[in-house]
């Protein structure tokens, strides 16, 4: 007579493997950074007369077709639409990837999702309302500035939260420390960006602004890469799903 326990086990549905979902989450987070950096590179490469400067020009200048002038900088981005679409798609991908994360306790999960939503809304406003001189005159520049500030703050807080919570979804302690360090660097750069912006000494204003934005982009890619690399031995439980 067949063993009842074995027969019962044979008929029980197998729990779906968490591996495809985890890799899907990692791929979306990595893609968010690729989208942003790719859009920035393409738009900057098209700006040749004079060449766009990563250290001097504002990032959002890449979203102004122009010609225009603002904050003492000439703005003429032939592929402004590429940068503006890149802003929006980056926000959508970042929010989607964070929302797909599994393993975070309730409070931390809600914090991460809300911060990712603020980041997405912020960069979407930046993309929809380019920061040209004309935007400052017609009032839409306020939406651009509000969106940029919301993205700067929420994005770097998000990276710190993910770094502090990495153990819940499979990020090593070392990479968690890197994420926290990136978020701190973002806030230090934000303070420097504010000082330089208010002093009208904006030779390196683009560099300081990238010191705010790149930690967010790189941080999300670090989380995504960790999820893509992580392996679970056959038959072992995934701690990120417990």
Protein backbone atom coordinates (compact mmCIF):
# COMPACT_ATOMS: atom_id res chain seq x y z
CA UNK A 1 0.00 0.00 0.00
CA UNK A 2 1.52 3.38 -1.00
CA UNK A 3 2.71 5.59 1.81
CA UNK A 4 -0.04 8.13 2.56
CA UNK A 5 2.40 10.93 3.38
CA UNK A 6 4.35 10.44 0.15
CA UNK A 7 1.17 10.32 -1.91
CA UNK A 8 -0.16 13.47 -0.26
CA UNK A 9 3.12 15.28 -0.85
CA UNK A 10 3.15 14.24 -4.48
CA UNK A 11 -0.24 15.83 -5.04
CA UNK A 12 0.60 19.09 -3.25
CA UNK A 13 1.26 22.00 -5.63
CA UNK A 14 4.83 23.19 -5.60
CA UNK A 15 5.41 26.68 -4.37
CA UNK A 16 6.37 28.95 -7.23
CA UNK A 17 10.07 29.69 -7.32
CA UNK A 18 10.94 33.22 -6.16
CA UNK A 19 13.96 33.32 -8.47
CA UNK A 20 12.22 34.67 -11.62
CA UNK A 21 10.45 37.38 -9.62
CA UNK A 22 13.66 38.42 -7.88
CA UNK A 23 15.54 38.57 -11.16
CA UNK A 24 12.71 40.52 -12.74
CA UNK A 25 12.90 43.07 -9.94
CA UNK A 26 16.67 43.32 -10.34
CA UNK A 27 16.38 43.76 -14.09
CA UNK A 28 13.87 46.61 -13.71
CA UNK A 29 16.05 48.43 -11.19
CA UNK A 30 19.16 48.07 -13.35
CA UNK A 31 17.14 49.20 -16.37
CA UNK A 32 16.07 52.36 -14.54
CA UNK A 33 19.68 53.48 -14.29
CA UNK A 34 20.50 52.44 -17.84
CA UNK A 35 17.54 54.47 -19.10
CA UNK A 36 18.62 57.59 -17.23
CA UNK A 37 22.32 57.41 -18.04
CA UNK A 38 21.61 56.46 -21.66
CA UNK A 39 19.20 59.36 -22.19
CA UNK A 40 21.67 61.79 -20.60
CA UNK A 41 24.54 60.55 -22.74
CA UNK A 42 22.59 60.68 -26.01
CA UNK A 43 21.19 64.16 -25.32
CA UNK A 44 24.59 65.50 -24.23
CA UNK A 45 26.34 64.01 -27.27
CA UNK A 46 23.94 65.84 -29.59
CA UNK A 47 24.72 69.20 -27.93
CA UNK A 48 27.87 70.19 -29.80
CA UNK A 49 27.85 73.95 -30.38
CA UNK A 50 29.40 74.64 -27.93
CA UNK A 51 29.84 71.17 -26.42
CA UNK A 52 27.72 70.31 -23.40
CA UNK A 53 29.70 70.22 -20.14
CA UNK A 54 28.93 67.62 -17.47
CA UNK A 55 30.68 69.75 -14.86
CA UNK A 56 29.26 73.17 -15.74
CA UNK A 57 25.80 72.76 -17.23
CA UNK A 58 22.70 71.81 -15.27
CA UNK A 59 21.33 68.34 -15.99
CA UNK A 60 17.91 69.75 -16.82
CA UNK A 61 19.44 71.96 -19.54
CA UNK A 62 19.47 68.78 -21.60
CA UNK A 63 15.68 68.90 -21.57
CA UNK A 64 15.47 72.45 -22.98
CA UNK A 65 15.49 72.60 -26.76
CA UNK A 66 16.04 76.33 -26.81
CA UNK A 67 17.85 78.36 -27.67
CA UNK A 68 17.27 79.89 -24.27
CA UNK A 69 19.21 81.31 -21.35
CA UNK A 70 18.73 80.71 -17.64
CA UNK A 71 20.86 81.05 -14.51
CA UNK A 72 23.60 82.49 -16.68
CA UNK A 73 23.77 79.40 -18.90
CA UNK A 74 22.91 79.02 -22.56
CA UNK A 75 20.44 76.21 -23.23
CA UNK A 76 20.26 74.47 -26.57
CA UNK A 77 19.59 70.72 -26.55
CA UNK A 78 18.79 69.36 -30.03
CA UNK A 79 17.52 66.09 -28.51
CA UNK A 80 15.71 67.58 -25.53
CA UNK A 81 12.84 65.12 -26.03
CA UNK A 82 15.22 62.21 -25.40
CA UNK A 83 16.22 63.60 -21.99
CA UNK A 84 12.66 64.46 -21.00
CA UNK A 85 11.37 61.00 -21.92
CA UNK A 86 14.36 59.57 -20.07
CA UNK A 87 13.38 61.46 -16.91
CA UNK A 88 9.84 60.06 -17.03
CA UNK A 89 10.83 56.48 -17.88
CA UNK A 90 13.50 56.48 -15.19
CA UNK A 91 10.90 57.47 -12.61
CA UNK A 92 8.44 54.83 -13.79
CA UNK A 93 11.09 52.08 -13.78
CA UNK A 94 12.48 53.10 -10.37
CA UNK A 95 9.02 53.06 -8.78
CA UNK A 96 8.11 49.76 -10.44
CA UNK A 97 11.31 48.07 -9.30
CA UNK A 98 10.96 49.23 -5.69
CA UNK A 99 7.28 48.23 -5.63
CA UNK A 100 8.30 44.74 -6.82
CA UNK A 101 10.76 44.22 -3.94
CA UNK A 102 9.79 41.36 -1.63
CA UNK A 103 10.90 40.72 1.93
CA UNK A 104 10.73 44.19 3.46
CA UNK A 105 8.73 44.40 6.70
CA UNK A 106 5.51 46.42 6.47
CA UNK A 107 6.79 49.77 7.72
CA UNK A 108 10.00 49.70 5.71
CA UNK A 109 8.15 48.55 2.60
CA UNK A 110 5.67 51.42 2.80
CA UNK A 111 8.50 53.89 3.39
CA UNK A 112 10.38 52.59 0.33
CA UNK A 113 7.29 52.63 -1.91
CA UNK A 114 6.28 56.16 -0.83
CA UNK A 115 9.82 57.46 -1.37
CA UNK A 116 9.97 55.79 -4.79
CA UNK A 117 6.62 57.35 -5.69
CA UNK A 118 7.91 60.80 -4.72
CA UNK A 119 11.02 60.19 -6.80
CA UNK A 120 8.90 59.16 -9.79
CA UNK A 121 6.60 62.16 -9.47
CA UNK A 122 9.57 64.49 -9.05
CA UNK A 123 11.47 63.39 -12.14
CA UNK A 124 8.23 63.29 -14.14
CA UNK A 125 7.62 66.96 -13.29
CA UNK A 126 11.20 67.72 -14.35
CA UNK A 127 10.57 66.00 -17.68
CA UNK A 128 7.16 67.57 -18.32
CA UNK A 129 8.19 71.09 -17.34
CA UNK A 130 11.71 71.81 -18.69
CA UNK A 131 13.61 74.45 -16.73
CA UNK A 132 14.01 77.13 -19.36
CA UNK A 133 14.03 80.89 -18.88
CA UNK A 134 10.57 80.97 -20.45
CA UNK A 135 9.34 78.51 -17.84
CA UNK A 136 10.51 80.85 -15.10
CA UNK A 137 8.55 83.67 -16.70
CA UNK A 138 5.28 81.77 -17.24
CA UNK A 139 5.32 80.09 -13.83
CA UNK A 140 5.82 76.48 -14.93
CA UNK A 141 9.40 76.66 -13.72
CA UNK A 142 8.00 76.26 -10.20
CA UNK A 143 6.83 72.75 -11.08
CA UNK A 144 10.26 71.96 -12.44
CA UNK A 145 12.01 73.20 -9.30
CA UNK A 146 9.59 71.43 -6.97
CA UNK A 147 9.98 68.19 -8.90
CA UNK A 148 13.77 68.39 -8.84
CA UNK A 149 13.88 69.06 -5.10
CA UNK A 150 11.43 66.23 -4.38
CA UNK A 151 13.49 63.83 -6.48
CA UNK A 152 16.79 64.93 -4.90
CA UNK A 153 15.58 64.39 -1.33
CA UNK A 154 13.30 61.36 -1.71
CA UNK A 155 15.75 59.55 -3.99
CA UNK A 156 18.69 59.80 -1.60
CA UNK A 157 16.56 58.91 1.42
CA UNK A 158 15.30 55.90 -0.57
CA UNK A 159 18.85 54.71 -1.24
CA UNK A 160 19.68 54.99 2.47
CA UNK A 161 16.51 53.10 3.45
CA UNK A 162 17.30 50.32 0.97
CA UNK A 163 20.87 50.14 2.27
CA UNK A 164 19.70 49.86 5.88
CA UNK A 165 17.11 47.22 4.90
CA UNK A 166 19.18 45.20 2.45
CA UNK A 167 19.31 42.10 4.62
CA UNK A 168 15.57 41.63 4.17
CA UNK A 169 15.78 41.21 0.40
CA UNK A 170 19.20 39.69 -0.11
CA UNK A 171 21.69 42.59 -0.29
CA UNK A 172 24.91 41.93 1.58
CA UNK A 173 25.98 44.06 4.51
CA UNK A 174 28.86 45.44 2.47
CA UNK A 175 26.62 46.59 -0.35
CA UNK A 176 24.16 47.92 2.18
CA UNK A 177 26.95 50.10 3.54
CA UNK A 178 27.76 51.27 0.02
CA UNK A 179 24.12 52.29 -0.47
CA UNK A 180 24.06 54.27 2.77
CA UNK A 181 27.31 55.95 1.77
CA UNK A 182 25.85 56.88 -1.62
CA UNK A 183 22.81 58.45 0.03
CA UNK A 184 25.00 60.46 2.40
CA UNK A 185 27.13 61.60 -0.54
CA UNK A 186 23.94 62.72 -2.26
CA UNK A 187 22.97 64.95 0.66
CA UNK A 188 26.48 66.37 1.03
CA UNK A 189 26.41 67.19 -2.68
CA UNK A 190 22.94 68.72 -2.31
CA UNK A 191 24.28 71.11 0.34
CA UNK A 192 27.23 72.02 -1.90
CA UNK A 193 24.89 72.44 -4.87
CA UNK A 194 22.74 74.88 -2.88
CA UNK A 195 25.75 76.92 -1.79
CA UNK A 196 27.17 77.17 -5.30
CA UNK A 197 23.76 77.96 -6.79
CA UNK A 198 23.14 80.81 -4.32
CA UNK A 199 26.65 82.25 -4.75
CA UNK A 200 26.47 82.57 -8.55
CA UNK A 201 29.83 80.83 -8.77
CA UNK A 202 28.50 78.01 -10.88
CA UNK A 203 31.63 76.79 -12.67
CA UNK A 204 31.16 73.30 -11.19
CA UNK A 205 27.41 73.47 -10.65
CA UNK A 206 26.83 70.54 -13.00
CA UNK A 207 29.32 68.42 -11.10
CA UNK A 208 27.65 69.08 -7.74
CA UNK A 209 24.20 68.41 -9.19
CA UNK A 210 25.41 65.08 -10.52
CA UNK A 211 26.75 64.37 -7.06
CA UNK A 212 23.12 64.55 -5.93
CA UNK A 213 21.57 62.56 -8.78
CA UNK A 214 24.12 59.86 -9.55
CA UNK A 215 24.02 58.29 -6.05
CA UNK A 216 20.29 57.67 -6.61
CA UNK A 217 20.80 56.17 -10.06
CA UNK A 218 23.81 54.08 -9.04
CA UNK A 219 22.15 53.01 -5.79
CA UNK A 220 19.15 51.56 -7.60
CA UNK A 221 21.47 49.77 -10.01
CA UNK A 222 23.48 48.32 -7.10
CA UNK A 223 20.30 46.87 -5.59
CA UNK A 224 19.25 45.51 -8.97
CA UNK A 225 22.64 43.94 -9.64
CA UNK A 226 22.63 42.29 -6.21
CA UNK A 227 19.25 40.71 -6.91
CA UNK A 228 20.38 39.49 -10.32
CA UNK A 229 23.58 37.96 -8.94
CA UNK A 230 22.12 36.30 -5.89
CA UNK A 231 21.75 32.51 -6.05
CA UNK A 232 19.60 30.17 -3.98
CA UNK A 233 20.73 26.52 -3.61
CA UNK A 234 18.21 23.96 -4.86
CA UNK A 235 15.64 23.17 -2.18
CA UNK A 236 16.70 26.05 0.07
CA UNK A 237 14.27 28.69 1.27
CA UNK A 238 14.73 32.24 0.10
CA UNK A 239 15.16 34.49 3.15
CA UNK A 240 13.86 37.41 1.15
CA UNK A 241 10.52 35.62 0.91
CA UNK A 242 10.21 34.68 4.58
